[in-house]
Amino acid sequence: MAEIVEEKVIVPTTSKNLLNDKWDVVLSNALIKTGLGFGAGVLASVLLFRRRAWPVWVGVGFGLGRGYSEGDAIFRSNAGVRVVEA
């Protein structure tokens, strides 16, 4: 019996795919960080600040800021990009 061996073809990643992958990571990261900030703000509001609203908004702001800064770092990195030195 003869075995059939399939050859795998390596397709180079296009810049559009790299950008889409980065956007997926950035948006999911920002959503998670914002949710964690919201949860921490609700806990702080209930436990420490007699159910005021401002700890929730501060937590959401910190989460959005953290998500933005990590997203900025992801877009500025050269991971997955071919660099040609002249």
PDB file of N, CA and C in Angstrom:
ATOM      1  N   MET A   1       0.833  -1.182   0.000  1.00  0.00           N
ATOM      2  CA  MET A   1       0.000   0.000   0.000  1.00  0.00           C
ATOM      3  C   MET A   1       0.876   1.243   0.000  1.00  0.00           C
ATOM      4  N   ALA A   2       0.502   2.156  -0.832  1.00  0.00           N
ATOM      5  CA  ALA A   2       1.260   3.393  -0.936  1.00  0.00           C
ATOM      6  C   ALA A   2       0.615   4.459  -0.045  1.00  0.00           C
ATOM      7  N   GLU A   3       1.463   5.203   0.623  1.00  0.00           N
ATOM      8  CA  GLU A   3       0.962   6.284   1.478  1.00  0.00           C
ATOM      9  C   GLU A   3       0.911   7.575   0.677  1.00  0.00           C
ATOM     10  N   ILE A   4      -0.116   8.331   0.918  1.00  0.00           N
ATOM     11  CA  ILE A   4      -0.256   9.634   0.261  1.00  0.00           C
ATOM     12  C   ILE A   4       0.224  10.702   1.225  1.00  0.00           C
ATOM     13  N   VAL A   5       1.199  11.457   0.810  1.00  0.00           N
ATOM     14  CA  VAL A   5       1.766  12.513   1.643  1.00  0.00           C
ATOM     15  C   VAL A   5       1.367  13.852   1.042  1.00  0.00           C
ATOM     16  N   GLU A   6       0.747  14.659   1.874  1.00  0.00           N
ATOM     17  CA  GLU A   6       0.350  15.986   1.404  1.00  0.00           C
ATOM     18  C   GLU A   6       1.445  16.986   1.732  1.00  0.00           C
ATOM     19  N   GLU A   7       1.745  17.822   0.782  1.00  0.00           N
ATOM     20  CA  GLU A   7       2.722  18.872   1.019  1.00  0.00           C
ATOM     21  C   GLU A   7       2.001  20.111   1.521  1.00  0.00           C
ATOM     22  N   LYS A   8       2.565  20.713   2.546  1.00  0.00           N
ATOM     23  CA  LYS A   8       1.986  21.939   3.076  1.00  0.00           C
ATOM     24  C   LYS A   8       2.613  23.133   2.374  1.00  0.00           C
ATOM     25  N   VAL A   9       1.771  24.013   1.913  1.00  0.00           N
ATOM     26  CA  VAL A   9       2.227  25.209   1.227  1.00  0.00           C
ATOM     27  C   VAL A   9       2.203  26.347   2.233  1.00  0.00           C
ATOM     28  N   ILE A  10       3.318  27.013   2.379  1.00  0.00           N
ATOM     29  CA  ILE A  10       3.394  28.150   3.300  1.00  0.00           C
ATOM     30  C   ILE A  10       3.009  29.408   2.543  1.00  0.00           C
ATOM     31  N   VAL A  11       1.933  30.020   3.003  1.00  0.00           N
ATOM     32  CA  VAL A  11       1.446  31.246   2.378  1.00  0.00           C
ATOM     33  C   VAL A  11       1.906  32.420   3.232  1.00  0.00           C
ATOM     34  N   PRO A  12       2.577  33.388   2.643  1.00  0.00           N
ATOM     35  CA  PRO A  12       3.018  34.532   3.448  1.00  0.00           C
ATOM     36  C   PRO A  12       1.824  35.319   3.989  1.00  0.00           C
ATOM     37  N   THR A  13       1.988  35.804   5.206  1.00  0.00           N
ATOM     38  CA  THR A  13       0.928  36.573   5.846  1.00  0.00           C
ATOM     39  C   THR A  13       0.888  37.967   5.247  1.00  0.00           C
ATOM     40  N   THR A  14      -0.291  38.382   4.849  1.00  0.00           N
ATOM     41  CA  THR A  14      -0.431  39.711   4.275  1.00  0.00           C
ATOM     42  C   THR A  14      -0.520  40.748   5.377  1.00  0.00           C
ATOM     43  N   SER A  15      -0.267  41.983   5.022  1.00  0.00           N
ATOM     44  CA  SER A  15      -0.315  43.051   6.016  1.00  0.00           C
ATOM     45  C   SER A  15      -1.737  43.240   6.539  1.00  0.00           C
ATOM     46  N   LYS A  16      -2.735  42.962   5.695  1.00  0.00           N
ATOM     47  CA  LYS A  16      -4.120  43.094   6.147  1.00  0.00           C
ATOM     48  C   LYS A  16      -4.425  42.076   7.242  1.00  0.00           C
ATOM     49  N   ASN A  17      -3.909  40.859   7.094  1.00  0.00           N
ATOM     50  CA  ASN A  17      -4.123  39.841   8.121  1.00  0.00           C
ATOM     51  C   ASN A  17      -3.400  40.192   9.415  1.00  0.00           C
ATOM     52  N   LEU A  18      -2.182  40.730   9.299  1.00  0.00           N
ATOM     53  CA  LEU A  18      -1.466  41.161  10.499  1.00  0.00           C
ATOM     54  C   LEU A  18      -2.221  42.260  11.225  1.00  0.00           C
ATOM     55  N   LEU A  19      -2.756  43.206  10.468  1.00  0.00           N
ATOM     56  CA  LEU A  19      -3.500  44.302  11.068  1.00  0.00           C
ATOM     57  C   LEU A  19      -4.796  43.804  11.705  1.00  0.00           C
ATOM     58  N   ASN A  20      -5.486  42.887  11.048  1.00  0.00           N
ATOM     59  CA  ASN A  20      -6.709  42.332  11.618  1.00  0.00           C
ATOM     60  C   ASN A  20      -6.426  41.563  12.899  1.00  0.00           C
ATOM     61  N   ASP A  21      -5.338  40.807  12.926  1.00  0.00           N
ATOM     62  CA  ASP A  21      -4.981  40.074  14.135  1.00  0.00           C
ATOM     63  C   ASP A  21      -4.655  41.025  15.275  1.00  0.00           C
ATOM     64  N   LYS A  22      -3.954  42.105  14.966  1.00  0.00           N
ATOM     65  CA  LYS A  22      -3.634  43.079  16.011  1.00  0.00           C
ATOM     66  C   LYS A  22      -4.893  43.754  16.531  1.00  0.00           C
ATOM     67  N   TRP A  23      -5.817  44.111  15.644  1.00  0.00           N
ATOM     68  CA  TRP A  23      -7.059  44.733  16.088  1.00  0.00           C
ATOM     69  C   TRP A  23      -7.867  43.784  16.971  1.00  0.00           C
ATOM     70  N   ASP A  24      -7.880  42.497  16.630  1.00  0.00           N
ATOM     71  CA  ASP A  24      -8.590  41.529  17.458  1.00  0.00           C
ATOM     72  C   ASP A  24      -8.023  41.489  18.870  1.00  0.00           C
ATOM     73  N   VAL A  25      -6.706  41.465  18.975  1.00  0.00           N
ATOM     74  CA  VAL A  25      -6.061  41.421  20.284  1.00  0.00           C
ATOM     75  C   VAL A  25      -6.319  42.709  21.056  1.00  0.00           C
ATOM     76  N   VAL A  26      -6.214  43.840  20.389  1.00  0.00           N
ATOM     77  CA  VAL A  26      -6.381  45.134  21.057  1.00  0.00           C
ATOM     78  C   VAL A  26      -7.803  45.305  21.570  1.00  0.00           C
ATOM     79  N   LEU A  27      -8.791  44.998  20.735  1.00  0.00           N
ATOM     80  CA  LEU A  27     -10.182  45.181  21.158  1.00  0.00           C
ATOM     81  C   LEU A  27     -10.577  44.228  22.267  1.00  0.00           C
ATOM     82  N   SER A  28     -10.159  42.976  22.179  1.00  0.00           N
ATOM     83  CA  SER A  28     -10.497  42.039  23.253  1.00  0.00           C
ATOM     84  C   SER A  28      -9.790  42.415  24.551  1.00  0.00           C
ATOM     85  N   ASN A  29      -8.548  42.867  24.453  1.00  0.00           N
ATOM     86  CA  ASN A  29      -7.802  43.300  25.628  1.00  0.00           C
ATOM     87  C   ASN A  29      -8.457  44.521  26.274  1.00  0.00           C
ATOM     88  N   ALA A  30      -8.865  45.486  25.461  1.00  0.00           N
ATOM     89  CA  ALA A  30      -9.515  46.683  26.000  1.00  0.00           C
ATOM     90  C   ALA A  30     -10.852  46.335  26.648  1.00  0.00           C
ATOM     91  N   LEU A  31     -11.591  45.414  26.049  1.00  0.00           N
ATOM     92  CA  LEU A  31     -12.871  45.006  26.618  1.00  0.00           C
ATOM     93  C   LEU A  31     -12.678  44.307  27.960  1.00  0.00           C
ATOM     94  N   ILE A  32     -11.680  43.454  28.052  1.00  0.00           N
ATOM     95  CA  ILE A  32     -11.414  42.750  29.309  1.00  0.00           C
ATOM     96  C   ILE A  32     -10.952  43.721  30.383  1.00  0.00           C
ATOM     97  N   LYS A  33     -10.035  44.622  30.031  1.00  0.00           N
ATOM     98  CA  LYS A  33      -9.532  45.588  31.018  1.00  0.00           C
ATOM     99  C   LYS A  33     -10.646  46.512  31.509  1.00  0.00           C
ATOM    100  N   THR A  34     -11.522  46.939  30.593  1.00  0.00           N
ATOM    101  CA  THR A  34     -12.632  47.806  30.982  1.00  0.00           C
ATOM    102  C   THR A  34     -13.597  47.065  31.892  1.00  0.00           C
ATOM    103  N   GLY A  35     -13.864  45.806  31.586  1.00  0.00           N
ATOM    104  CA  GLY A  35     -14.741  45.003  32.442  1.00  0.00           C
ATOM    105  C   GLY A  35     -14.163  44.799  33.829  1.00  0.00           C
ATOM    106  N   LEU A  36     -12.863  44.545  33.897  1.00  0.00           N
ATOM    107  CA  LEU A  36     -12.220  44.399  35.200  1.00  0.00           C
ATOM    108  C   LEU A  36     -12.253  45.709  35.992  1.00  0.00           C
ATOM    109  N   GLY A  37     -12.026  46.822  35.301  1.00  0.00           N
ATOM    110  CA  GLY A  37     -12.111  48.121  35.974  1.00  0.00           C
ATOM    111  C   GLY A  37     -13.514  48.415  36.466  1.00  0.00           C
ATOM    112  N   PHE A  38     -14.523  48.037  35.659  1.00  0.00           N
ATOM    113  CA  PHE A  38     -15.918  48.215  36.068  1.00  0.00           C
ATOM    114  C   PHE A  38     -16.208  47.384  37.313  1.00  0.00           C
ATOM    115  N   GLY A  39     -15.756  46.128  37.313  1.00  0.00           N
ATOM    116  CA  GLY A  39     -15.991  45.262  38.473  1.00  0.00           C
ATOM    117  C   GLY A  39     -15.310  45.773  39.728  1.00  0.00           C
ATOM    118  N   ALA A  40     -14.077  46.233  39.581  1.00  0.00           N
ATOM    119  CA  ALA A  40     -13.363  46.788  40.736  1.00  0.00           C
ATOM    120  C   ALA A  40     -14.042  48.058  41.228  1.00  0.00           C
ATOM    121  N   GLY A  41     -14.554  48.875  40.302  1.00  0.00           N
ATOM    122  CA  GLY A  41     -15.262  50.089  40.696  1.00  0.00           C
ATOM    123  C   GLY A  41     -16.557  49.784  41.424  1.00  0.00           C
ATOM    124  N   VAL A  42     -17.288  48.780  40.971  1.00  0.00           N
ATOM    125  CA  VAL A  42     -18.531  48.396  41.655  1.00  0.00           C
ATOM    126  C   VAL A  42     -18.223  47.879  43.053  1.00  0.00           C
ATOM    127  N   LEU A  43     -17.192  47.033  43.165  1.00  0.00           N
ATOM    128  CA  LEU A  43     -16.813  46.537  44.495  1.00  0.00           C
ATOM    129  C   LEU A  43     -16.403  47.672  45.428  1.00  0.00           C
ATOM    130  N   ALA A  44     -15.591  48.576  44.942  1.00  0.00           N
ATOM    131  CA  ALA A  44     -15.163  49.708  45.770  1.00  0.00           C
ATOM    132  C   ALA A  44     -16.357  50.580  46.138  1.00  0.00           C
ATOM    133  N   SER A  45     -17.272  50.763  45.208  1.00  0.00           N
ATOM    134  CA  SER A  45     -18.440  51.591  45.469  1.00  0.00           C
ATOM    135  C   SER A  45     -19.324  50.974  46.548  1.00  0.00           C
ATOM    136  N   VAL A  46     -19.537  49.680  46.467  1.00  0.00           N
ATOM    137  CA  VAL A  46     -20.413  49.013  47.426  1.00  0.00           C
ATOM    138  C   VAL A  46     -19.751  48.880  48.789  1.00  0.00           C
ATOM    139  N   LEU A  47     -18.483  48.520  48.804  1.00  0.00           N
ATOM    140  CA  LEU A  47     -17.823  48.227  50.076  1.00  0.00           C
ATOM    141  C   LEU A  47     -17.280  49.463  50.792  1.00  0.00           C
ATOM    142  N   LEU A  48     -16.822  50.453  50.044  1.00  0.00           N
ATOM    143  CA  LEU A  48     -16.104  51.550  50.685  1.00  0.00           C
ATOM    144  C   LEU A  48     -16.789  52.916  50.596  1.00  0.00           C
ATOM    145  N   PHE A  49     -17.528  53.179  49.541  1.00  0.00           N
ATOM    146  CA  PHE A  49     -17.974  54.538  49.286  1.00  0.00           C
ATOM    147  C   PHE A  49     -19.483  54.708  49.317  1.00  0.00           C
ATOM    148  N   ARG A  50     -20.188  53.897  50.031  1.00  0.00           N
ATOM    149  CA  ARG A  50     -21.635  54.004  50.237  1.00  0.00           C
ATOM    150  C   ARG A  50     -22.405  54.164  48.928  1.00  0.00           C
ATOM    151  N   ARG A  51     -22.084  53.332  47.976  1.00  0.00           N
ATOM    152  CA  ARG A  51     -22.773  53.229  46.689  1.00  0.00           C
ATOM    153  C   ARG A  51     -22.785  54.520  45.883  1.00  0.00           C
ATOM    154  N   ARG A  52     -21.671  55.184  45.879  1.00  0.00           N
ATOM    155  CA  ARG A  52     -21.492  56.341  45.002  1.00  0.00           C
ATOM    156  C   ARG A  52     -21.152  55.856  43.599  1.00  0.00           C
ATOM    157  N   ALA A  53     -21.368  56.700  42.624  1.00  0.00           N
ATOM    158  CA  ALA A  53     -21.135  56.290  41.238  1.00  0.00           C
ATOM    159  C   ALA A  53     -19.706  56.546  40.774  1.00  0.00           C
ATOM    160  N   TRP A  54     -19.006  57.474  41.371  1.00  0.00           N
ATOM    161  CA  TRP A  54     -17.710  57.853  40.828  1.00  0.00           C
ATOM    162  C   TRP A  54     -16.664  56.745  40.866  1.00  0.00           C
ATOM    163  N   PRO A  55     -16.646  55.820  41.855  1.00  0.00           N
ATOM    164  CA  PRO A  55     -15.627  54.757  41.775  1.00  0.00           C
ATOM    165  C   PRO A  55     -15.813  53.849  40.552  1.00  0.00           C
ATOM    166  N   VAL A  56     -17.057  53.664  40.130  1.00  0.00           N
ATOM    167  CA  VAL A  56     -17.314  52.849  38.948  1.00  0.00           C
ATOM    168  C   VAL A  56     -16.733  53.529  37.719  1.00  0.00           C
ATOM    169  N   TRP A  57     -16.964  54.828  37.586  1.00  0.00           N
ATOM    170  CA  TRP A  57     -16.450  55.563  36.421  1.00  0.00           C
ATOM    171  C   TRP A  57     -14.932  55.657  36.447  1.00  0.00           C
ATOM    172  N   VAL A  58     -14.357  55.781  37.628  1.00  0.00           N
ATOM    173  CA  VAL A  58     -12.894  55.803  37.724  1.00  0.00           C
ATOM    174  C   VAL A  58     -12.326  54.448  37.307  1.00  0.00           C
ATOM    175  N   GLY A  59     -12.961  53.361  37.751  1.00  0.00           N
ATOM    176  CA  GLY A  59     -12.508  52.025  37.362  1.00  0.00           C
ATOM    177  C   GLY A  59     -12.618  51.800  35.865  1.00  0.00           C
ATOM    178  N   VAL A  60     -13.722  52.260  35.254  1.00  0.00           N
ATOM    179  CA  VAL A  60     -13.885  52.132  33.804  1.00  0.00           C
ATOM    180  C   VAL A  60     -12.834  52.966  33.085  1.00  0.00           C
ATOM    181  N   GLY A  61     -12.559  54.154  33.590  1.00  0.00           N
ATOM    182  CA  GLY A  61     -11.536  55.009  32.981  1.00  0.00           C
ATOM    183  C   GLY A  61     -10.157  54.394  33.054  1.00  0.00           C
ATOM    184  N   PHE A  62      -9.812  53.813  34.209  1.00  0.00           N
ATOM    185  CA  PHE A  62      -8.519  53.139  34.329  1.00  0.00           C
ATOM    186  C   PHE A  62      -8.435  51.955  33.381  1.00  0.00           C
ATOM    187  N   GLY A  63      -9.515  51.195  33.260  1.00  0.00           N
ATOM    188  CA  GLY A  63      -9.520  50.049  32.353  1.00  0.00           C
ATOM    189  C   GLY A  63      -9.370  50.458  30.905  1.00  0.00           C
ATOM    190  N   LEU A  64     -10.084  51.500  30.492  1.00  0.00           N
ATOM    191  CA  LEU A  64      -9.955  51.990  29.120  1.00  0.00           C
ATOM    192  C   LEU A  64      -8.554  52.542  28.855  1.00  0.00           C
ATOM    193  N   GLY A  65      -8.010  53.252  29.820  1.00  0.00           N
ATOM    194  CA  GLY A  65      -6.662  53.799  29.663  1.00  0.00           C
ATOM    195  C   GLY A  65      -5.616  52.709  29.551  1.00  0.00           C
ATOM    196  N   ARG A  66      -5.765  51.673  30.361  1.00  0.00           N
ATOM    197  CA  ARG A  66      -4.814  50.561  30.297  1.00  0.00           C
ATOM    198  C   ARG A  66      -4.937  49.819  28.964  1.00  0.00           C
ATOM    199  N   GLY A  67      -6.167  49.621  28.513  1.00  0.00           N
ATOM    200  CA  GLY A  67      -6.382  48.971  27.221  1.00  0.00           C
ATOM    201  C   GLY A  67      -5.816  49.788  26.075  1.00  0.00           C
ATOM    202  N   TYR A  68      -5.984  51.103  26.150  1.00  0.00           N
ATOM    203  CA  TYR A  68      -5.442  51.983  25.110  1.00  0.00           C
ATOM    204  C   TYR A  68      -3.918  51.936  25.087  1.00  0.00           C
ATOM    205  N   SER A  69      -3.294  52.011  26.257  1.00  0.00           N
ATOM    206  CA  SER A  69      -1.830  52.034  26.291  1.00  0.00           C
ATOM    207  C   SER A  69      -1.241  50.699  25.815  1.00  0.00           C
ATOM    208  N   GLU A  70      -1.868  49.582  26.178  1.00  0.00           N
ATOM    209  CA  GLU A  70      -1.369  48.295  25.698  1.00  0.00           C
ATOM    210  C   GLU A  70      -1.628  48.132  24.203  1.00  0.00           C
ATOM    211  N   GLY A  71      -2.753  48.650  23.719  1.00  0.00           N
ATOM    212  CA  GLY A  71      -3.029  48.610  22.281  1.00  0.00           C
ATOM    213  C   GLY A  71      -2.041  49.442  21.498  1.00  0.00           C
ATOM    214  N   ASP A  72      -1.676  50.589  22.034  1.00  0.00           N
ATOM    215  CA  ASP A  72      -0.677  51.432  21.387  1.00  0.00           C
ATOM    216  C   ASP A  72       0.659  50.704  21.301  1.00  0.00           C
ATOM    217  N   ALA A  73       1.014  49.990  22.366  1.00  0.00           N
ATOM    218  CA  ALA A  73       2.266  49.233  22.361  1.00  0.00           C
ATOM    219  C   ALA A  73       2.214  48.091  21.349  1.00  0.00           C
ATOM    220  N   ILE A  74       1.045  47.472  21.200  1.00  0.00           N
ATOM    221  CA  ILE A  74       0.910  46.374  20.240  1.00  0.00           C
ATOM    222  C   ILE A  74       1.061  46.900  18.816  1.00  0.00           C
ATOM    223  N   PHE A  75       0.450  48.035  18.514  1.00  0.00           N
ATOM    224  CA  PHE A  75       0.549  48.573  17.160  1.00  0.00           C
ATOM    225  C   PHE A  75       1.929  49.143  16.851  1.00  0.00           C
ATOM    226  N   ARG A  76       2.666  49.554  17.863  1.00  0.00           N
ATOM    227  CA  ARG A  76       4.008  50.087  17.618  1.00  0.00           C
ATOM    228  C   ARG A  76       5.073  49.007  17.524  1.00  0.00           C
ATOM    229  N   SER A  77       4.752  47.766  17.943  1.00  0.00           N
ATOM    230  CA  SER A  77       5.754  46.707  17.910  1.00  0.00           C
ATOM    231  C   SER A  77       5.967  46.219  16.482  1.00  0.00           C
ATOM    232  N   ASN A  78       7.118  45.632  16.240  1.00  0.00           N
ATOM    233  CA  ASN A  78       7.453  45.117  14.923  1.00  0.00           C
ATOM    234  C   ASN A  78       7.227  43.623  14.816  1.00  0.00           C
ATOM    235  N   ALA A  79       6.465  43.035  15.724  1.00  0.00           N
ATOM    236  CA  ALA A  79       6.242  41.598  15.715  1.00  0.00           C
ATOM    237  C   ALA A  79       5.475  41.206  14.460  1.00  0.00           C
ATOM    238  N   GLY A  80       5.994  40.266  13.727  1.00  0.00           N
ATOM    239  CA  GLY A  80       5.349  39.781  12.529  1.00  0.00           C
ATOM    240  C   GLY A  80       5.636  40.592  11.277  1.00  0.00           C
ATOM    241  N   VAL A  81       6.428  41.640  11.414  1.00  0.00           N
ATOM    242  CA  VAL A  81       6.749  42.494  10.277  1.00  0.00           C
ATOM    243  C   VAL A  81       8.181  42.219   9.848  1.00  0.00           C
ATOM    244  N   ARG A  82       8.372  42.018   8.557  1.00  0.00           N
ATOM    245  CA  ARG A  82       9.711  41.754   8.036  1.00  0.00           C
ATOM    246  C   ARG A  82      10.454  43.080   7.922  1.00  0.00           C
ATOM    247  N   VAL A  83      11.651  43.121   8.463  1.00  0.00           N
ATOM    248  CA  VAL A  83      12.470  44.327   8.416  1.00  0.00           C
ATOM    249  C   VAL A  83      13.642  44.059   7.482  1.00  0.00           C
ATOM    250  N   VAL A  84      13.806  44.921   6.483  1.00  0.00           N
ATOM    251  CA  VAL A  84      14.901  44.782   5.518  1.00  0.00           C
ATOM    252  C   VAL A  84      15.896  45.895   5.797  1.00  0.00           C
ATOM    253  N   GLU A  85      17.121  45.496   6.097  1.00  0.00           N
ATOM    254  CA  GLU A  85      18.159  46.496   6.345  1.00  0.00           C
ATOM    255  C   GLU A  85      18.890  46.781   5.045  1.00  0.00           C
ATOM    256  N   ALA A  86      19.097  48.046   4.765  1.00  0.00           N
ATOM    257  CA  ALA A  86      19.774  48.432   3.509  1.00  0.00           C
ATOM    258  C   ALA A  86      21.265  48.502   3.706  1.00  0.00           C
TER     259      ALA A  86
END
